Protein backbone atom coordinates (compact mmCIF):
# COMPACT_ATOMS: atom_id res chain seq x y z
CA MET A 1 -58.21 51.64 27.91
CA ALA A 2 -59.54 48.11 28.15
CA LEU A 3 -59.60 45.78 25.17
CA THR A 4 -61.83 42.76 24.76
CA ILE A 5 -60.17 39.54 23.73
CA ASN A 6 -61.47 40.00 20.16
CA LYS A 7 -59.98 43.49 19.87
CA LEU A 8 -56.66 42.31 21.32
CA ALA A 9 -56.58 39.39 18.89
CA LYS A 10 -57.16 41.68 15.91
CA LEU A 11 -54.63 44.23 17.15
CA SER A 12 -51.90 41.67 17.83
CA GLY A 13 -52.51 39.29 14.94
CA VAL A 14 -52.98 36.23 17.16
CA SER A 15 -56.15 34.21 17.41
CA VAL A 16 -58.68 34.37 20.21
CA ARG A 17 -57.96 30.69 20.78
CA THR A 18 -54.27 31.50 21.33
CA LEU A 19 -55.17 34.14 23.91
CA HIS A 20 -57.48 31.66 25.65
CA HIS A 21 -54.61 29.16 25.73
CA TYR A 22 -52.21 31.76 27.17
CA ASP A 23 -54.78 32.47 29.89
CA GLU A 24 -55.26 28.75 30.64
CA ILE A 25 -51.53 28.12 31.08
CA GLY A 26 -51.03 31.31 33.09
CA LEU A 27 -48.82 33.01 30.53
CA LEU A 28 -51.07 35.99 29.87
CA LYS A 29 -53.91 36.64 32.26
CA PRO A 30 -56.48 39.34 31.49
CA ALA A 31 -56.52 42.46 33.64
CA TYR A 32 -60.00 41.46 34.74
CA TYR A 33 -63.11 39.52 33.81
CA GLY A 34 -66.31 41.44 33.22
CA ASP A 35 -69.65 40.53 34.76
CA ASN A 36 -70.47 39.05 31.35
CA GLY A 37 -67.47 36.69 31.62
CA TYR A 38 -65.51 38.53 28.93
CA ARG A 39 -61.77 38.90 29.33
CA TYR A 40 -60.47 42.47 29.33
CA TYR A 41 -56.88 43.47 28.72
CA GLU A 42 -55.15 46.74 29.54
CA GLU A 43 -51.81 48.29 28.62
CA ALA A 44 -49.73 46.07 30.93
CA GLU A 45 -51.15 42.91 29.32
CA LEU A 46 -50.64 44.35 25.84
CA LEU A 47 -46.96 44.98 26.64
CA GLN A 48 -46.61 41.49 28.07
CA LEU A 49 -48.17 40.00 24.93
CA GLN A 50 -45.65 41.96 22.88
CA GLN A 51 -42.83 40.33 24.87
CA ILE A 52 -44.40 36.88 24.48
CA LEU A 53 -44.67 37.31 20.72
CA PHE A 54 -41.06 38.51 20.55
CA TYR A 55 -39.83 35.36 22.30
CA ARG A 56 -42.12 33.17 20.17
CA GLU A 57 -40.59 34.72 17.05
CA LEU A 58 -37.19 33.60 18.37
CA GLY A 59 -38.55 30.04 18.62
CA ILE A 60 -38.63 29.87 22.42
CA GLN A 61 -41.20 27.46 23.90
CA LEU A 62 -44.12 28.81 25.91
CA SER A 63 -42.98 27.09 29.12
CA ASP A 64 -39.58 28.79 28.81
CA ILE A 65 -41.19 32.14 28.04
CA LYS A 66 -43.25 31.82 31.21
CA LYS A 67 -40.08 31.12 33.21
CA ILE A 68 -38.37 34.15 31.69
CA LEU A 69 -41.27 36.53 32.29
CA THR A 70 -41.86 35.37 35.87
CA SER A 71 -38.20 35.36 36.83
CA PRO A 72 -37.34 37.84 39.60
CA ASP A 73 -34.37 38.96 37.45
CA PHE A 74 -36.56 39.82 34.44
CA ASP A 75 -36.73 43.49 33.58
């Protein structure tokens, strides 16, 4: 199951621009880029976005969220 960035944006309630920003800062990378240049997201990225949105709801800054999610102790 691969989702385009537009489908992921609609499903998650965040904007395409937000997803582009998350990709640019390395917070949420797509599973792969298609030959057409489109970003495609799979289940792992969807679950990671869910965690990002959870931490954002708590008011945690993106740089801190990235540290949390990339920490070797994170589970």
